[in-house]
Protein backbone atom coordinates (compact mmCIF):
# COMPACT_ATOMS: atom_id res chain seq x y z
CA MET A 1 -86.27 28.52 22.83
CA ARG A 2 -85.14 24.98 23.57
CA ALA A 3 -84.20 24.57 19.89
CA VAL A 4 -82.14 27.75 19.99
CA ARG A 5 -80.26 26.58 23.09
CA SER A 6 -79.66 23.21 21.51
CA LEU A 7 -78.24 24.87 18.39
CA SER A 8 -75.99 27.15 20.43
CA PHE A 9 -74.70 24.21 22.42
CA SER A 10 -73.97 22.32 19.20
CA LEU A 11 -72.03 25.25 17.77
CA VAL A 12 -69.96 25.64 20.92
CA LEU A 13 -69.28 21.91 21.01
CA SER A 14 -68.22 21.90 17.36
CA ALA A 15 -65.89 24.84 17.92
CA THR A 16 -64.40 23.15 20.95
CA LEU A 17 -63.79 19.92 19.09
CA LEU A 18 -62.27 21.83 16.18
CA LEU A 19 -59.88 23.70 18.46
CA GLY A 20 -59.02 20.53 20.30
CA ALA A 21 -58.24 18.71 17.10
CA CYS A 22 -55.86 21.46 16.00
CA GLY A 23 -52.44 19.80 15.79
CA PRO A 24 -48.89 20.95 15.05
CA PRO A 25 -48.27 22.87 11.79
CA GLU A 26 -47.14 19.85 9.82
CA ILE A 27 -47.07 21.56 6.43
CA GLU A 28 -44.79 24.31 7.74
CA MET A 29 -42.62 21.72 9.52
CA ARG A 30 -42.13 19.78 6.28
CA ALA A 31 -41.33 23.01 4.39
CA ALA A 32 -38.67 23.93 6.95
CA GLU A 33 -37.15 20.45 6.88
CA LEU A 34 -37.09 20.48 3.07
CA ALA A 35 -35.35 23.87 3.02
CA LEU A 36 -32.71 22.53 5.41
CA ALA A 37 -32.24 19.42 3.29
CA GLU A 38 -31.72 21.56 0.19
CA ALA A 39 -29.14 23.67 2.02
CA ARG A 40 -27.32 20.53 3.14
CA TRP A 41 -27.39 19.17 -0.42
CA ALA A 42 -25.90 22.49 -1.60
CA GLU A 43 -23.06 21.85 0.91
CA ALA A 44 -23.94 24.89 2.99
CA PRO A 45 -22.18 23.45 6.08
CA GLY A 46 -18.89 23.72 4.19
CA TYR A 47 -19.43 26.70 1.90
CA ALA A 48 -21.69 28.90 4.08
CA PRO A 49 -21.06 27.67 7.65
CA GLU A 50 -22.32 30.78 9.45
CA ALA A 51 -25.59 30.88 7.51
CA TRP A 52 -25.98 27.12 8.05
CA ARG A 53 -25.49 27.52 11.81
CA GLU A 54 -28.16 30.22 11.90
CA ALA A 55 -30.61 28.00 10.01
CA THR A 56 -30.03 24.99 12.25
CA ALA A 57 -30.25 27.17 15.38
CA ALA A 58 -33.62 28.44 14.17
CA MET A 59 -34.74 24.83 13.70
CA VAL A 60 -33.70 24.00 17.26
CA ALA A 61 -35.76 26.95 18.50
CA ALA A 62 -38.75 25.83 16.41
CA ASP A 63 -38.50 22.26 17.73
CA SER A 64 -38.27 23.57 21.29
CA GLU A 65 -41.41 25.66 20.86
CA LEU A 66 -43.27 22.74 19.29
CA ALA A 67 -42.24 20.53 22.19
CA THR A 68 -43.45 23.16 24.66
CA GLN A 69 -46.87 23.37 22.99
CA ALA A 70 -47.15 19.59 23.00
CA THR A 71 -47.12 19.66 26.80
CA GLU A 72 -50.06 22.07 26.91
CA SER A 73 -53.68 21.01 26.92
CA ARG A 74 -55.31 21.02 23.50
CA LEU A 75 -57.34 24.11 24.21
CA SER A 76 -54.26 25.98 25.47
CA ARG A 77 -51.93 25.23 22.56
CA ASP A 78 -50.78 28.22 20.55
CA TYR A 79 -48.55 27.51 17.56
CA SER A 80 -48.13 31.13 16.45
CA GLU A 81 -44.56 31.39 17.77
CA ALA A 82 -43.68 27.99 16.33
CA LEU A 83 -44.95 29.15 12.95
CA GLU A 84 -42.70 32.21 13.17
CA ARG A 85 -39.71 30.06 14.05
CA LEU A 86 -40.44 27.64 11.18
CA ALA A 87 -40.73 30.53 8.75
CA GLU A 88 -37.38 31.76 10.02
CA VAL A 89 -35.87 28.31 9.43
CA GLU A 90 -37.05 28.30 5.85
CA GLU A 91 -35.79 31.82 5.22
CA LYS A 92 -32.35 31.19 6.73
CA ALA A 93 -31.98 27.80 5.04
CA ARG A 94 -32.70 29.30 1.64
CA ALA A 95 -30.20 32.07 2.35
CA ALA A 96 -27.61 29.43 3.25
CA THR A 97 -28.33 27.60 -0.01
CA SER A 98 -27.82 30.78 -2.02
CA LEU A 99 -24.62 31.74 -0.20
CA ALA A 100 -23.24 28.23 -0.62
CA ALA A 101 -23.86 28.32 -4.37
CA GLN A 102 -22.05 31.66 -4.64
CA ALA A 103 -19.11 30.46 -2.54
CA LYS A 104 -18.85 27.27 -4.55
CA ALA A 105 -18.78 29.23 -7.81
CA ARG A 106 -15.93 31.37 -6.48
CA ALA A 107 -14.06 28.26 -5.33
CA ARG A 108 -14.42 26.70 -8.78
CA GLN A 109 -13.08 29.86 -10.39
CA LYS A 110 -10.05 29.86 -8.09
CA ALA A 111 -9.46 26.18 -8.80
CA ARG A 112 -9.54 26.78 -12.55
CA ARG A 113 -6.99 29.57 -12.19
CA ALA A 114 -4.77 27.31 -10.07
CA LEU A 115 -4.96 24.58 -12.70
CA ALA A 116 -4.20 27.06 -15.48
CA ASP A 117 -1.08 28.23 -13.62
CA ALA A 118 -0.05 24.64 -12.97
CA ARG A 119 -0.54 23.73 -16.62
CA GLN A 120 1.62 26.66 -17.68
CA GLY A 121 4.34 25.52 -15.30
CA LEU A 122 4.19 21.99 -16.66
CA VAL A 123 4.47 23.21 -20.24
CA ALA A 124 7.57 25.26 -19.41
CA THR A 125 9.09 22.32 -17.53
CA THR A 126 8.33 19.96 -20.42
CA GLU A 127 10.19 22.21 -22.86
CA LEU A 128 13.25 22.36 -20.62
CA LEU A 129 13.18 18.63 -19.98
CA ASP A 130 13.03 17.93 -23.72
CA ARG A 131 15.94 20.25 -24.40
CA VAL A 132 18.11 18.64 -21.73
CA ALA A 133 17.15 15.13 -22.88
CA GLN A 134 18.05 15.96 -26.49
CA CYS A 135 21.55 17.18 -25.69
CA PRO A 136 24.17 15.27 -27.69
CA GLU A 137 25.62 12.33 -25.79
CA GLY A 138 28.33 13.40 -23.43
CA SER A 139 27.28 17.05 -23.33
CA GLY A 140 23.99 16.79 -21.44
CA ALA A 141 22.93 15.76 -17.97
CA ALA A 142 24.05 12.37 -16.75
CA ALA A 143 21.58 9.57 -17.45
CA ASP A 144 20.79 9.00 -13.77
CA GLU A 145 20.30 12.74 -13.21
CA LEU A 146 17.98 12.97 -16.21
CA GLU A 147 16.01 9.99 -14.93
CA LEU A 148 15.47 11.75 -11.60
CA TYR A 149 14.19 14.83 -13.41
CA GLU A 150 11.82 12.70 -15.45
CA ASP A 151 10.54 10.92 -12.32
CA ARG A 152 9.82 14.23 -10.63
CA PHE A 153 8.08 15.51 -13.72
CA ASP A 154 5.92 12.38 -13.95
CA ALA A 155 4.93 12.88 -10.31
CA LEU A 156 3.87 16.44 -11.12
CA ARG A 157 1.79 15.28 -14.08
CA PHE A 158 0.10 12.71 -11.85
CA GLU A 159 -0.68 15.38 -9.25
CA TYR A 160 -2.05 17.65 -11.95
CA ARG A 161 -4.30 14.85 -13.13
CA ARG A 162 -5.56 14.44 -9.58
CA ALA A 163 -6.37 18.15 -9.53
CA GLU A 164 -8.39 17.80 -12.75
CA LEU A 165 -10.28 14.85 -11.31
CA ALA A 166 -10.98 16.75 -8.10
CA LEU A 167 -12.44 19.65 -10.05
CA GLY A 168 -14.47 17.23 -12.17
CA SER A 169 -15.86 15.57 -9.05
CA ASP A 170 -16.94 18.96 -7.68
CA ASP A 171 -14.20 19.38 -5.07
CA PRO A 172 -12.72 22.78 -6.01
CA PHE A 173 -10.87 23.18 -2.70
CA LEU A 174 -8.83 20.03 -3.28
CA ALA A 175 -8.36 20.93 -6.96
CA ALA A 176 -6.97 24.35 -6.04
CA GLU A 177 -4.71 22.86 -3.36
CA LEU A 178 -3.26 20.31 -5.78
CA GLY A 179 -2.93 22.91 -8.54
CA HIS A 180 -0.96 25.23 -6.28
CA ALA A 181 1.23 22.32 -5.19
CA VAL A 182 2.07 21.52 -8.82
CA SER A 183 3.03 25.15 -9.47
CA ARG A 184 5.23 25.26 -6.36
CA LYS A 185 7.07 22.09 -7.34
CA ALA A 186 7.32 22.85 -11.07
CA ALA A 187 9.15 26.14 -10.52
CA PRO A 188 12.24 24.69 -8.79
CA LEU A 189 12.32 21.74 -11.18
CA SER A 190 12.41 24.13 -14.13
CA ALA A 191 15.17 26.11 -12.44
CA GLU A 192 17.25 22.95 -11.91
CA LEU A 193 16.77 21.88 -15.53
CA LEU A 194 17.80 25.30 -16.78
CA ALA A 195 20.86 25.26 -14.52
CA SER A 196 21.75 21.77 -15.74
CA GLU A 197 21.49 22.88 -19.35
CA ARG A 198 23.74 25.87 -18.73
CA ARG A 199 26.20 23.95 -16.57
CA VAL A 200 27.05 21.43 -19.28
CA ARG A 201 26.79 24.09 -21.98
CA CYS A 202 24.54 21.85 -23.99
CA ARG A 203 24.57 22.75 -27.66
CA HIS A 204 21.91 21.34 -29.90
CA PRO A 205 22.78 20.46 -33.49
CA LEU A 206 20.65 23.32 -34.81
CA THR A 207 22.35 25.80 -32.49
CA SER A 208 25.81 24.50 -33.46
CA ALA A 209 25.03 24.82 -37.14
CA GLU A 210 24.19 28.47 -36.64
């Protein structure tokens, strides 16, 4: 009988020590932190701000629950709610990562379209600038006027190059902004060049021969 009591006491003691040694869910905490880090690396704060806020709010709730359990005695600690909150963090962080990737893909597509439009505008402007520059002496735009046109065109080419670099460095928002700016500025420049060509009634040798 004494041996049975001794064994029972040992089992109870072992169970008590095991429960008392039970600490925070470190594996789940690391998984949640890793999911948040991946979302941040995917630029979720910028591309999926709402989903990112939900993920970080879930992490705050998880941290709060973990802190609450840390104030309890070892035998009273219950990490079940903390585990639910950590699982929620991981789920929301992964959703933010996915949404950010989708938003970034759409932004890249818009940037490419903006650059294509800008490139088309530059090509049209280049053709007009060449035609005005090749007018026979005395029939084309004045030299100082032509120089101003060329300076404006060079500025547009520089801005377009910046847009290409922005897209290459994975900043589609800046690339799209610069691309749109080039298109907006190229249109009036082309109109001025066309008006200048018509105003002086520039006739190219080939046109005159016809």
